Amino acid sequence: MARLKPLDAWGVNNEVLSVELFQRFLRIAQGLEAPRDGLESSAKYKPILPYFVLGGFQGLRTCEMVKERADYPVIEWRDFLWNKELLVVRDEVAKQTRARDKLRYVPLEAATVKLLRPLAGEGRVIPLARSIFQSLRRELCKEMRVRWPENCLRNSYATYAQTFRSSGDVARSMGDAEGTVKRYHVQTLEPGMGKKWFNLPRKVSNS
């Protein structure tokens, strides 16, 4: 699996996170683990926990989660249909494409519900200016001594999800065409291997 390396030159835009490293990001953002030995755990990264969750478990774009400008619509807590286990990506939030109707309903992963439902409130899920968000993510990576490849959460979501879901289902959740997902986001893994990313049990053979 592709693992993030120590801080150095940026790679191409098709890298994925290892399951272990993604889980570390989640634990550190929750304040459950220190970024590295010699540092203490902290709650200062909790505001960007939804970024890791929604990008890694739901395949959302950064621009759908973090405002690029003041009038730019993003995901809000009202978009979570908890009882129906769905996340609504409103037409105005979705990436601007030539499609007339960009509205999509994304099935909520169990891990997303577990991590975000206790945090649910009102307004934006990530109530940070883009500059502050980027600063926090950059600081976290520096403290962890890893670099952050562009688009790695969506790449990871697509790569792991397609080991046990159809390419059509993955593309619909991401709001992309199947061809785009296959071309830009997916690496080839053993079938079923991606369930570990989503904390799902793999089917055990009876043989």
C-alpha atoms as a PDB file:
ATOM      1  CA  MET A   1       0.000   0.000   0.000  1.00  0.00           C
ATOM      2  CA  ALA A   2       1.021   3.547  -0.671  1.00  0.00           C
ATOM      3  CA  ARG A   3       2.175   5.146   2.564  1.00  0.00           C
ATOM      4  CA  LEU A   4       2.863   8.804   3.077  1.00  0.00           C
ATOM      5  CA  LYS A   5       6.571   9.523   3.284  1.00  0.00           C
ATOM      6  CA  PRO A   6       8.561  12.045   5.330  1.00  0.00           C
ATOM      7  CA  LEU A   7       8.261  15.655   4.217  1.00  0.00           C
ATOM      8  CA  ASP A   8       9.756  16.013   0.750  1.00  0.00           C
ATOM      9  CA  ALA A   9       8.755  16.824  -2.815  1.00  0.00           C
ATOM     10  CA  TRP A  10       5.099  16.424  -3.766  1.00  0.00           C
ATOM     11  CA  GLY A  11       4.117  13.391  -5.809  1.00  0.00           C
ATOM     12  CA  VAL A  12       1.563  12.891  -8.527  1.00  0.00           C
ATOM     13  CA  ASN A  13      -2.118  13.335  -7.845  1.00  0.00           C
ATOM     14  CA  ASN A  14      -3.060   9.657  -7.478  1.00  0.00           C
ATOM     15  CA  GLU A  15      -1.701   8.690  -4.090  1.00  0.00           C
ATOM     16  CA  VAL A  16      -3.743   6.942  -1.424  1.00  0.00           C
ATOM     17  CA  LEU A  17      -3.297   6.694   2.333  1.00  0.00           C
ATOM     18  CA  SER A  18      -2.618   3.419   4.056  1.00  0.00           C
ATOM     19  CA  VAL A  19      -5.397   2.236   6.342  1.00  0.00           C
ATOM     20  CA  GLU A  20      -3.089   2.548   9.332  1.00  0.00           C
ATOM     21  CA  LEU A  21      -2.127   6.145   8.592  1.00  0.00           C
ATOM     22  CA  PHE A  22      -5.725   7.192   7.955  1.00  0.00           C
ATOM     23  CA  GLN A  23      -6.732   5.712  11.307  1.00  0.00           C
ATOM     24  CA  ARG A  24      -3.914   7.666  12.937  1.00  0.00           C
ATOM     25  CA  PHE A  25      -5.234  10.913  11.453  1.00  0.00           C
ATOM     26  CA  LEU A  26      -8.676  10.110  12.859  1.00  0.00           C
ATOM     27  CA  ARG A  27      -7.349   9.302  16.339  1.00  0.00           C
ATOM     28  CA  ILE A  28      -5.136  12.386  16.472  1.00  0.00           C
ATOM     29  CA  ALA A  29      -7.928  14.673  15.252  1.00  0.00           C
ATOM     30  CA  GLN A  30     -10.153  13.291  18.007  1.00  0.00           C
ATOM     31  CA  GLY A  31      -7.473  14.064  20.587  1.00  0.00           C
ATOM     32  CA  LEU A  32      -6.951  10.378  21.384  1.00  0.00           C
ATOM     33  CA  GLU A  33      -3.338  10.142  20.271  1.00  0.00           C
ATOM     34  CA  ALA A  34      -0.324  12.443  20.052  1.00  0.00           C
ATOM     35  CA  PRO A  35       0.985  13.338  16.583  1.00  0.00           C
ATOM     36  CA  ARG A  36       4.323  11.709  17.451  1.00  0.00           C
ATOM     37  CA  ASP A  37       6.469  10.696  20.393  1.00  0.00           C
ATOM     38  CA  GLY A  38       7.449  13.650  22.545  1.00  0.00           C
ATOM     39  CA  LEU A  39       4.201  15.540  21.914  1.00  0.00           C
ATOM     40  CA  GLU A  40       0.950  15.448  23.848  1.00  0.00           C
ATOM     41  CA  SER A  41      -2.483  14.661  22.445  1.00  0.00           C
ATOM     42  CA  SER A  42      -4.638  17.724  21.926  1.00  0.00           C
ATOM     43  CA  ALA A  43      -8.174  18.705  20.925  1.00  0.00           C
ATOM     44  CA  LYS A  44      -6.946  21.551  18.700  1.00  0.00           C
ATOM     45  CA  TYR A  45      -7.382  19.480  15.544  1.00  0.00           C
ATOM     46  CA  LYS A  46     -10.960  18.426  16.314  1.00  0.00           C
ATOM     47  CA  PRO A  47     -12.425  21.161  14.029  1.00  0.00           C
ATOM     48  CA  ILE A  48     -10.957  19.349  11.016  1.00  0.00           C
ATOM     49  CA  LEU A  49     -12.039  15.847  12.091  1.00  0.00           C
ATOM     50  CA  PRO A  50     -15.110  16.077   9.795  1.00  0.00           C
ATOM     51  CA  TYR A  51     -12.766  16.755   6.881  1.00  0.00           C
ATOM     52  CA  PHE A  52     -11.008  13.418   7.348  1.00  0.00           C
ATOM     53  CA  VAL A  53     -14.295  11.607   7.972  1.00  0.00           C
ATOM     54  CA  LEU A  54     -16.273  13.041   5.047  1.00  0.00           C
ATOM     55  CA  GLY A  55     -13.368  12.921   2.638  1.00  0.00           C
ATOM     56  CA  GLY A  56     -12.174   9.451   3.603  1.00  0.00           C
ATOM     57  CA  PHE A  57     -15.445   7.657   4.351  1.00  0.00           C
ATOM     58  CA  GLN A  58     -17.831   9.533   2.028  1.00  0.00           C
ATOM     59  CA  GLY A  59     -15.634  10.658  -0.854  1.00  0.00           C
ATOM     60  CA  LEU A  60     -16.555  14.335  -0.645  1.00  0.00           C
ATOM     61  CA  ARG A  61     -14.490  17.057  -2.307  1.00  0.00           C
ATOM     62  CA  THR A  62     -12.684  19.601  -0.150  1.00  0.00           C
ATOM     63  CA  CYS A  63     -14.655  22.384  -1.848  1.00  0.00           C
ATOM     64  CA  GLU A  64     -17.884  20.675  -0.721  1.00  0.00           C
ATOM     65  CA  MET A  65     -16.725  20.795   2.894  1.00  0.00           C
ATOM     66  CA  VAL A  66     -14.647  23.984   3.269  1.00  0.00           C
ATOM     67  CA  LYS A  67     -15.668  27.402   1.979  1.00  0.00           C
ATOM     68  CA  GLU A  68     -13.442  28.712  -0.792  1.00  0.00           C
ATOM     69  CA  ARG A  69     -15.018  32.155  -0.430  1.00  0.00           C
ATOM     70  CA  ALA A  70     -17.587  33.765   1.838  1.00  0.00           C
ATOM     71  CA  ASP A  71     -20.605  33.091  -0.374  1.00  0.00           C
ATOM     72  CA  TYR A  72     -19.646  29.540  -1.312  1.00  0.00           C
ATOM     73  CA  PRO A  73     -22.176  26.908  -0.056  1.00  0.00           C
ATOM     74  CA  VAL A  74     -20.816  23.836   1.730  1.00  0.00           C
ATOM     75  CA  ILE A  75     -22.073  20.809   3.649  1.00  0.00           C
ATOM     76  CA  GLU A  76     -24.107  21.709   6.745  1.00  0.00           C
ATOM     77  CA  TRP A  77     -25.430  19.606   9.598  1.00  0.00           C
ATOM     78  CA  ARG A  78     -28.945  19.887   8.154  1.00  0.00           C
ATOM     79  CA  ASP A  79     -27.731  17.828   5.192  1.00  0.00           C
ATOM     80  CA  PHE A  80     -27.370  14.700   7.348  1.00  0.00           C
ATOM     81  CA  LEU A  81     -30.466  12.514   7.287  1.00  0.00           C
ATOM     82  CA  TRP A  82     -29.392  10.389  10.222  1.00  0.00           C
ATOM     83  CA  ASN A  83     -32.515   8.216  10.415  1.00  0.00           C
ATOM     84  CA  LYS A  84     -32.277   7.421   6.702  1.00  0.00           C
ATOM     85  CA  GLU A  85     -28.492   7.018   6.834  1.00  0.00           C
ATOM     86  CA  LEU A  86     -28.021   9.471   3.991  1.00  0.00           C
ATOM     87  CA  LEU A  87     -25.993  12.608   3.356  1.00  0.00           C
ATOM     88  CA  VAL A  88     -27.534  15.131   0.963  1.00  0.00           C
ATOM     89  CA  VAL A  89     -25.039  16.964  -1.242  1.00  0.00           C
ATOM     90  CA  ARG A  90     -27.214  19.839  -2.370  1.00  0.00           C
ATOM     91  CA  ASP A  91     -27.128  20.985  -5.983  1.00  0.00           C
ATOM     92  CA  GLU A  92     -25.467  24.267  -5.026  1.00  0.00           C
ATOM     93  CA  VAL A  93     -22.827  22.489  -2.922  1.00  0.00           C
ATOM     94  CA  ALA A  94     -21.834  19.952  -5.578  1.00  0.00           C
ATOM     95  CA  LYS A  95     -19.000  20.708  -7.953  1.00  0.00           C
ATOM     96  CA  GLN A  96     -20.134  22.886 -10.833  1.00  0.00           C
ATOM     97  CA  THR A  97     -20.496  20.631 -13.866  1.00  0.00           C
ATOM     98  CA  ARG A  98     -22.561  20.659 -17.060  1.00  0.00           C
ATOM     99  CA  ALA A  99     -25.123  18.347 -15.482  1.00  0.00           C
ATOM    100  CA  ARG A 100     -28.495  20.006 -14.899  1.00  0.00           C
ATOM    101  CA  ASP A 101     -29.094  18.273 -11.573  1.00  0.00           C
ATOM    102  CA  LYS A 102     -26.012  17.824  -9.419  1.00  0.00           C
ATOM    103  CA  LEU A 103     -27.924  16.878  -6.260  1.00  0.00           C
ATOM    104  CA  ARG A 104     -26.796  13.527  -4.870  1.00  0.00           C
ATOM    105  CA  TYR A 105     -27.637  11.322  -1.907  1.00  0.00           C
ATOM    106  CA  VAL A 106     -24.611   9.595  -0.395  1.00  0.00           C
ATOM    107  CA  PRO A 107     -25.183   6.543   1.856  1.00  0.00           C
ATOM    108  CA  LEU A 108     -23.701   7.246   5.272  1.00  0.00           C
ATOM    109  CA  GLU A 109     -21.000   4.851   6.402  1.00  0.00           C
ATOM    110  CA  ALA A 110     -21.378   3.415   9.900  1.00  0.00           C
ATOM    111  CA  ALA A 111     -17.999   4.919  10.805  1.00  0.00           C
ATOM    112  CA  THR A 112     -19.224   8.368   9.735  1.00  0.00           C
ATOM    113  CA  VAL A 113     -22.320   8.098  11.921  1.00  0.00           C
ATOM    114  CA  LYS A 114     -20.259   6.934  14.888  1.00  0.00           C
ATOM    115  CA  LEU A 115     -17.737   9.780  14.611  1.00  0.00           C
ATOM    116  CA  LEU A 116     -19.907  12.705  13.544  1.00  0.00           C
ATOM    117  CA  ARG A 117     -23.386  12.232  14.982  1.00  0.00           C
ATOM    118  CA  PRO A 118     -22.214  13.108  18.520  1.00  0.00           C
ATOM    119  CA  LEU A 119     -20.824  16.372  17.095  1.00  0.00           C
ATOM    120  CA  ALA A 120     -23.951  17.347  15.155  1.00  0.00           C
ATOM    121  CA  GLY A 121     -25.165  20.890  15.620  1.00  0.00           C
ATOM    122  CA  GLU A 122     -26.255  23.734  13.372  1.00  0.00           C
ATOM    123  CA  GLY A 123     -24.639  25.510  10.460  1.00  0.00           C
ATOM    124  CA  ARG A 124     -21.546  24.414   8.606  1.00  0.00           C
ATOM    125  CA  VAL A 125     -19.956  21.101   9.518  1.00  0.00           C
ATOM    126  CA  ILE A 126     -16.512  22.710   9.165  1.00  0.00           C
ATOM    127  CA  PRO A 127     -16.997  26.325  10.330  1.00  0.00           C
ATOM    128  CA  LEU A 128     -13.488  27.438   9.373  1.00  0.00           C
ATOM    129  CA  ALA A 129     -12.143  29.856   6.804  1.00  0.00           C
ATOM    130  CA  ARG A 130     -10.159  28.036   4.120  1.00  0.00           C
ATOM    131  CA  SER A 131      -6.901  29.666   5.244  1.00  0.00           C
ATOM    132  CA  ILE A 132      -7.413  28.501   8.844  1.00  0.00           C
ATOM    133  CA  PHE A 133      -8.357  25.001   7.684  1.00  0.00           C
ATOM    134  CA  GLN A 134      -5.262  24.748   5.512  1.00  0.00           C
ATOM    135  CA  SER A 135      -3.087  26.055   8.329  1.00  0.00           C
ATOM    136  CA  LEU A 136      -4.422  23.426  10.764  1.00  0.00           C
ATOM    137  CA  ARG A 137      -3.954  20.600   8.279  1.00  0.00           C
ATOM    138  CA  ARG A 138      -0.455  21.789   7.443  1.00  0.00           C
ATOM    139  CA  GLU A 139       0.454  22.055  11.138  1.00  0.00           C
ATOM    140  CA  LEU A 140      -0.896  18.567  11.820  1.00  0.00           C
ATOM    141  CA  CYS A 141       1.125  17.040   8.984  1.00  0.00           C
ATOM    142  CA  LYS A 142       4.233  18.865  10.178  1.00  0.00           C
ATOM    143  CA  GLU A 143       3.786  17.542  13.717  1.00  0.00           C
ATOM    144  CA  MET A 144       3.240  14.027  12.338  1.00  0.00           C
ATOM    145  CA  ARG A 145       6.198  14.483   9.972  1.00  0.00           C
ATOM    146  CA  VAL A 146       4.246  13.388   6.923  1.00  0.00           C
ATOM    147  CA  ARG A 147       3.300  15.200   3.751  1.00  0.00           C
ATOM    148  CA  TRP A 148      -0.216  15.509   2.406  1.00  0.00           C
ATOM    149  CA  PRO A 149      -0.634  14.511  -1.264  1.00  0.00           C
ATOM    150  CA  GLU A 150      -3.323  16.441  -3.099  1.00  0.00           C
ATOM    151  CA  ASN A 151      -6.711  14.699  -3.273  1.00  0.00           C
ATOM    152  CA  CYS A 152      -5.497  11.662  -1.316  1.00  0.00           C
ATOM    153  CA  LEU A 153      -8.759  11.235   0.635  1.00  0.00           C
ATOM    154  CA  ARG A 154     -10.932  10.965  -2.490  1.00  0.00           C
ATOM    155  CA  ASN A 155      -8.317   8.760  -4.119  1.00  0.00           C
ATOM    156  CA  SER A 156      -8.356   6.528  -1.058  1.00  0.00           C
ATOM    157  CA  TYR A 157     -12.143   6.425  -0.842  1.00  0.00           C
ATOM    158  CA  ALA A 158     -12.467   5.385  -4.480  1.00  0.00           C
ATOM    159  CA  THR A 159      -9.608   2.886  -4.355  1.00  0.00           C
ATOM    160  CA  TYR A 160     -10.795   1.070  -1.248  1.00  0.00           C
ATOM    161  CA  ALA A 161     -14.536   1.256  -1.987  1.00  0.00           C
ATOM    162  CA  GLN A 162     -14.159  -0.265  -5.446  1.00  0.00           C
ATOM    163  CA  THR A 163     -12.715  -3.455  -3.991  1.00  0.00           C
ATOM    164  CA  PHE A 164     -16.206  -4.444  -2.792  1.00  0.00           C
ATOM    165  CA  ARG A 165     -18.657  -2.040  -4.451  1.00  0.00           C
ATOM    166  CA  SER A 166     -19.541  -1.411  -8.072  1.00  0.00           C
ATOM    167  CA  SER A 167     -17.732   1.388  -9.894  1.00  0.00           C
ATOM    168  CA  GLY A 168     -21.148   2.919 -10.587  1.00  0.00           C
ATOM    169  CA  ASP A 169     -22.045   3.126  -6.894  1.00  0.00           C
ATOM    170  CA  VAL A 170     -18.667   4.646  -6.054  1.00  0.00           C
ATOM    171  CA  ALA A 171     -18.916   7.201  -8.861  1.00  0.00           C
ATOM    172  CA  ARG A 172     -22.449   8.229  -7.820  1.00  0.00           C
ATOM    173  CA  SER A 173     -21.342   8.790  -4.229  1.00  0.00           C
ATOM    174  CA  MET A 174     -18.426  10.909  -5.433  1.00  0.00           C
ATOM    175  CA  GLY A 175     -20.473  12.859  -7.961  1.00  0.00           C
ATOM    176  CA  ASP A 176     -18.173  11.833 -10.805  1.00  0.00           C
ATOM    177  CA  ALA A 177     -18.459   9.825 -14.002  1.00  0.00           C
ATOM    178  CA  GLU A 178     -17.285   6.210 -13.769  1.00  0.00           C
ATOM    179  CA  GLY A 179     -14.560   6.889 -16.302  1.00  0.00           C
ATOM    180  CA  THR A 180     -13.245   9.818 -14.274  1.00  0.00           C
ATOM    181  CA  VAL A 181     -13.115   7.743 -11.093  1.00  0.00           C
ATOM    182  CA  LYS A 182     -11.291   4.887 -12.807  1.00  0.00           C
ATOM    183  CA  ARG A 183      -8.843   7.187 -14.561  1.00  0.00           C
ATOM    184  CA  TYR A 184      -7.907   9.578 -11.794  1.00  0.00           C
ATOM    185  CA  HIS A 185      -8.757   8.098  -8.402  1.00  0.00           C
ATOM    186  CA  VAL A 186      -8.342   4.336  -8.390  1.00  0.00           C
ATOM    187  CA  GLN A 187      -5.452   1.993  -7.764  1.00  0.00           C
ATOM    188  CA  THR A 188      -5.876  -1.749  -8.132  1.00  0.00           C
ATOM    189  CA  LEU A 189      -6.161  -3.750  -4.909  1.00  0.00           C
ATOM    190  CA  GLU A 190      -7.192  -7.264  -3.965  1.00  0.00           C
ATOM    191  CA  PRO A 191     -11.008  -7.663  -4.056  1.00  0.00           C
ATOM    192  CA  GLY A 192     -12.583  -6.990  -0.657  1.00  0.00           C
ATOM    193  CA  MET A 193      -9.417  -5.538   0.828  1.00  0.00           C
ATOM    194  CA  GLY A 194     -10.934  -2.072   1.114  1.00  0.00           C
ATOM    195  CA  LYS A 195     -13.423  -3.102   3.802  1.00  0.00           C
ATOM    196  CA  LYS A 196     -10.704  -2.545   6.370  1.00  0.00           C
ATOM    197  CA  TRP A 197     -10.636   1.147   5.412  1.00  0.00           C
ATOM    198  CA  PHE A 198     -14.333   1.463   6.269  1.00  0.00           C
ATOM    199  CA  ASN A 199     -14.048  -0.704   9.399  1.00  0.00           C
ATOM    200  CA  LEU A 200     -16.184  -3.401   7.804  1.00  0.00           C
ATOM    201  CA  PRO A 201     -15.605  -7.124   8.358  1.00  0.00           C
ATOM    202  CA  ARG A 202     -14.308  -9.105   5.402  1.00  0.00           C
ATOM    203  CA  LYS A 203     -16.197 -12.264   4.462  1.00  0.00           C
ATOM    204  CA  VAL A 204     -14.483 -15.307   5.936  1.00  0.00           C
ATOM    205  CA  SER A 205     -14.244 -18.359   3.695  1.00  0.00           C
ATOM    206  CA  ASN A 206     -15.725 -21.611   5.016  1.00  0.00           C
ATOM    207  CA  SER A 207     -13.158 -23.712   3.173  1.00  0.00           C
END
